[in-house]
Amino acid sequence: MDNLLLKLYQSSKTVLTTKEIALLWKESNKNNLKSKIFYYVKKGGLIRLKRGIFAKNKKYDLKELAVSIYTPAYISFETVLREEGVIFQHHNAVFVANYLSKEVKCSGNKIVFRKLKDTVLINQSGVVNKNNFCQANKERAFLDMIYLFKNYYFDNLDSLDWKKCFELAKIYQNKELIKRLQKYYKNA
């Protein structure tokens, strides 16, 4: 394995953007960078997932891919709520908080981006860094959900920290969200 590929494999990231590869390789010339990336894709040292996004191998992290497509972004909504046992429905998609609403298919995976206003999206309260991607905690994911969906059904609200929910709700600066939160709290 040569030095350039070795630098990529030494990174803990499983998914890399063209910009990240340029930084790791210390390559500022765009044409040289494109040529080198093309070479490694052709030789099988890199896998092209989407334009400008590559994986080191087939064992890449889907969540890492999801937040790499459009940034800033973090994993939230049904993905987090299902993992935390707040909802029981299985969805064949990864749900991402983002600055746009869009559905993307990438390498056979469905990724759903849901738009949050910029002040909410860039606020890191209730968002944790999980190795190479950011993900909402269950309270933040719950609030993201009720912010966008008026009457969403949740299977199990017992594990939510309601004090955290009411504290985090302030970042949305939305009176309707507070009313919805109070309604869910009262019925829990």
Protein backbone atom coordinates (compact mmCIF):
# COMPACT_ATOMS: atom_id res chain seq x y z
CA MET A 1 0.00 0.00 0.00
CA ASP A 2 1.47 3.37 -0.92
CA ASN A 3 1.72 6.44 1.30
CA LEU A 4 -1.37 8.25 0.00
CA LEU A 5 -3.66 5.30 0.56
CA LEU A 6 -2.01 4.63 3.92
CA LYS A 7 -2.87 8.19 5.03
CA LEU A 8 -6.53 7.55 4.24
CA TYR A 9 -6.55 4.23 6.04
CA GLN A 10 -4.93 5.78 9.12
CA SER A 11 -7.92 8.11 9.42
CA SER A 12 -10.70 6.85 11.69
CA LYS A 13 -13.27 8.00 9.13
CA THR A 14 -14.89 5.37 6.93
CA VAL A 15 -16.34 7.97 4.55
CA LEU A 16 -14.28 10.83 3.16
CA THR A 17 -15.18 13.83 1.05
CA THR A 18 -12.91 15.20 -1.66
CA LYS A 19 -12.01 18.10 0.67
CA GLU A 20 -11.06 15.73 3.50
CA ILE A 21 -8.89 13.67 1.13
CA ALA A 22 -7.20 16.88 -0.09
CA LEU A 23 -6.36 17.80 3.52
CA LEU A 24 -5.03 14.32 4.35
CA TRP A 25 -2.91 14.23 1.20
CA LYS A 26 -1.94 17.91 1.51
CA GLU A 27 -2.94 18.33 -2.13
CA SER A 28 -4.05 21.84 -3.15
CA ASN A 29 -4.05 21.31 -6.92
CA LYS A 30 -7.59 20.25 -7.87
CA ASN A 31 -6.55 18.50 -11.08
CA ASN A 32 -3.85 16.46 -9.32
CA LEU A 33 -6.33 15.56 -6.59
CA LYS A 34 -8.97 14.42 -9.09
CA SER A 35 -6.39 12.34 -10.97
CA LYS A 36 -5.15 10.65 -7.81
CA ILE A 37 -8.66 9.92 -6.54
CA PHE A 38 -9.68 8.55 -9.96
CA TYR A 39 -6.60 6.33 -9.96
CA TYR A 40 -7.40 4.85 -6.53
CA VAL A 41 -11.07 4.33 -7.40
CA LYS A 42 -10.00 2.52 -10.59
CA LYS A 43 -7.52 0.36 -8.63
CA GLY A 44 -10.10 -0.44 -5.91
CA GLY A 45 -8.36 1.43 -3.09
CA LEU A 46 -11.34 3.78 -2.80
CA ILE A 47 -15.04 3.29 -3.45
CA ARG A 48 -16.98 6.18 -5.00
CA LEU A 49 -20.31 6.43 -3.16
CA LYS A 50 -21.54 9.70 -4.58
CA ARG A 51 -19.98 12.62 -6.38
CA GLY A 52 -17.25 13.93 -4.09
CA ILE A 53 -17.81 11.23 -1.43
CA PHE A 54 -15.73 8.08 -1.08
CA ALA A 55 -15.42 5.08 1.23
CA LYS A 56 -12.22 3.25 2.14
CA ASN A 57 -14.02 -0.08 1.83
CA LYS A 58 -17.50 -1.62 1.76
CA LYS A 59 -17.73 -1.58 5.58
CA TYR A 60 -18.38 2.16 5.76
CA ASP A 61 -20.69 3.71 8.37
CA LEU A 62 -24.04 4.64 6.80
CA LYS A 63 -24.60 7.43 9.33
CA GLU A 64 -21.20 8.87 8.48
CA LEU A 65 -22.18 8.84 4.81
CA ALA A 66 -25.54 10.49 5.57
CA VAL A 67 -24.02 13.51 7.33
CA SER A 68 -21.31 13.88 4.67
CA ILE A 69 -23.68 14.50 1.75
CA TYR A 70 -24.96 17.93 2.85
CA THR A 71 -23.45 19.77 5.80
CA PRO A 72 -24.13 20.92 8.45
CA ALA A 73 -26.14 17.88 9.43
CA TYR A 74 -26.79 15.47 12.27
CA ILE A 75 -28.61 12.14 12.65
CA SER A 76 -32.03 12.61 14.25
CA PHE A 77 -35.77 11.90 13.97
CA GLU A 78 -36.90 8.27 13.52
CA THR A 79 -33.34 6.93 13.36
CA VAL A 80 -32.50 8.06 16.90
CA LEU A 81 -35.99 7.51 18.31
CA ARG A 82 -36.05 3.91 17.06
CA GLU A 83 -32.58 3.20 18.49
CA GLU A 84 -33.65 4.67 21.82
CA GLY A 85 -36.92 2.71 22.00
CA VAL A 86 -39.18 5.78 21.77
CA ILE A 87 -40.77 4.45 18.57
CA PHE A 88 -40.97 0.83 17.51
CA GLN A 89 -41.60 1.20 13.76
CA HIS A 90 -38.71 0.16 11.55
CA HIS A 91 -37.79 2.49 8.71
CA ASN A 92 -35.46 1.55 5.86
CA ALA A 93 -33.91 4.99 5.84
CA VAL A 94 -31.53 7.15 7.82
CA PHE A 95 -33.12 10.43 8.90
CA VAL A 96 -30.97 13.53 9.01
CA ALA A 97 -31.53 17.09 10.27
CA ASN A 98 -30.31 19.49 7.61
CA TYR A 99 -30.85 22.86 5.91
CA LEU A 100 -32.94 21.27 3.13
CA SER A 101 -35.68 18.70 2.63
CA LYS A 102 -34.62 15.99 0.26
CA GLU A 103 -34.57 12.25 -0.20
CA VAL A 104 -31.40 10.67 -1.58
CA LYS A 105 -30.56 7.13 -2.67
CA CYS A 106 -26.88 6.32 -2.28
CA SER A 107 -25.33 2.88 -2.71
CA GLY A 108 -28.73 1.28 -2.25
CA ASN A 109 -29.44 3.23 0.95
CA LYS A 110 -32.24 5.72 1.47
CA ILE A 111 -31.32 8.91 3.29
CA VAL A 112 -34.03 11.40 4.21
CA PHE A 113 -33.01 14.99 4.94
CA ARG A 114 -35.46 17.15 6.86
CA LYS A 115 -35.15 20.89 6.99
CA LEU A 116 -34.71 22.72 10.27
CA LYS A 117 -34.22 26.45 10.51
CA ASP A 118 -30.56 27.48 10.65
CA THR A 119 -30.59 28.65 14.27
CA VAL A 120 -31.79 25.19 15.37
CA LEU A 121 -29.56 23.24 13.00
CA ILE A 122 -26.30 24.87 14.08
CA ASN A 123 -27.12 24.79 17.79
CA GLN A 124 -25.21 21.85 19.28
CA SER A 125 -27.36 21.52 22.43
CA GLY A 126 -28.48 17.91 22.68
CA VAL A 127 -26.27 16.85 19.78
CA VAL A 128 -23.38 14.50 20.55
CA ASN A 129 -20.33 13.63 18.51
CA LYS A 130 -20.29 9.88 17.82
CA ASN A 131 -16.80 9.21 16.46
CA ASN A 132 -17.12 10.63 12.94
CA PHE A 133 -20.66 12.01 12.85
CA CYS A 134 -23.02 14.01 15.03
CA GLN A 135 -26.25 12.59 16.38
CA ALA A 136 -29.09 14.05 18.42
CA ASN A 137 -29.77 12.60 21.84
CA LYS A 138 -33.28 11.17 22.24
CA GLU A 139 -34.67 14.39 23.75
CA ARG A 140 -33.36 16.51 20.87
CA ALA A 141 -34.62 13.96 18.29
CA PHE A 142 -38.04 13.99 20.00
CA LEU A 143 -38.15 17.80 19.84
CA ASP A 144 -37.01 17.81 16.20
CA MET A 145 -39.87 15.44 15.47
CA ILE A 146 -42.61 17.41 17.22
CA TYR A 147 -41.22 20.63 15.75
CA LEU A 148 -41.93 19.32 12.24
CA PHE A 149 -44.88 16.98 12.89
CA LYS A 150 -47.89 18.22 14.84
CA ASN A 151 -49.45 14.93 16.00
CA TYR A 152 -46.75 12.27 15.70
CA TYR A 153 -47.44 9.04 17.58
CA PHE A 154 -44.69 7.83 19.91
CA ASP A 155 -44.77 4.30 21.32
CA ASN A 156 -42.80 4.86 24.53
CA LEU A 157 -42.12 8.25 26.10
CA ASP A 158 -41.11 6.81 29.50
CA SER A 159 -37.37 7.09 28.90
CA LEU A 160 -37.41 10.80 28.01
CA ASP A 161 -35.90 13.26 30.45
CA TRP A 162 -38.67 15.86 30.43
CA LYS A 163 -36.55 18.46 32.21
CA LYS A 164 -34.01 18.17 29.37
CA CYS A 165 -36.81 18.43 26.82
CA PHE A 166 -38.14 21.67 28.28
CA GLU A 167 -34.61 23.10 28.48
CA LEU A 168 -33.77 22.14 24.88
CA ALA A 169 -37.13 23.42 23.60
CA LYS A 170 -35.88 26.99 24.09
CA ILE A 171 -33.50 26.71 21.14
CA TYR A 172 -36.44 26.36 18.70
CA GLN A 173 -37.93 29.73 19.75
CA ASN A 174 -41.36 28.39 18.84
CA LYS A 175 -44.48 28.78 21.00
CA GLU A 176 -46.34 26.04 19.11
CA LEU A 177 -43.54 23.57 19.91
CA ILE A 178 -43.81 24.42 23.63
CA LYS A 179 -47.58 23.74 23.50
CA ARG A 180 -47.01 20.40 21.80
CA LEU A 181 -44.31 19.48 24.31
CA GLN A 182 -46.61 20.31 27.23
CA LYS A 183 -49.37 18.17 25.66
CA TYR A 184 -47.05 15.15 25.25
CA TYR A 185 -45.70 15.65 28.80
CA LYS A 186 -49.22 15.76 30.25
CA ASN A 187 -50.24 12.58 28.40
CA ALA A 188 -47.06 10.62 29.16
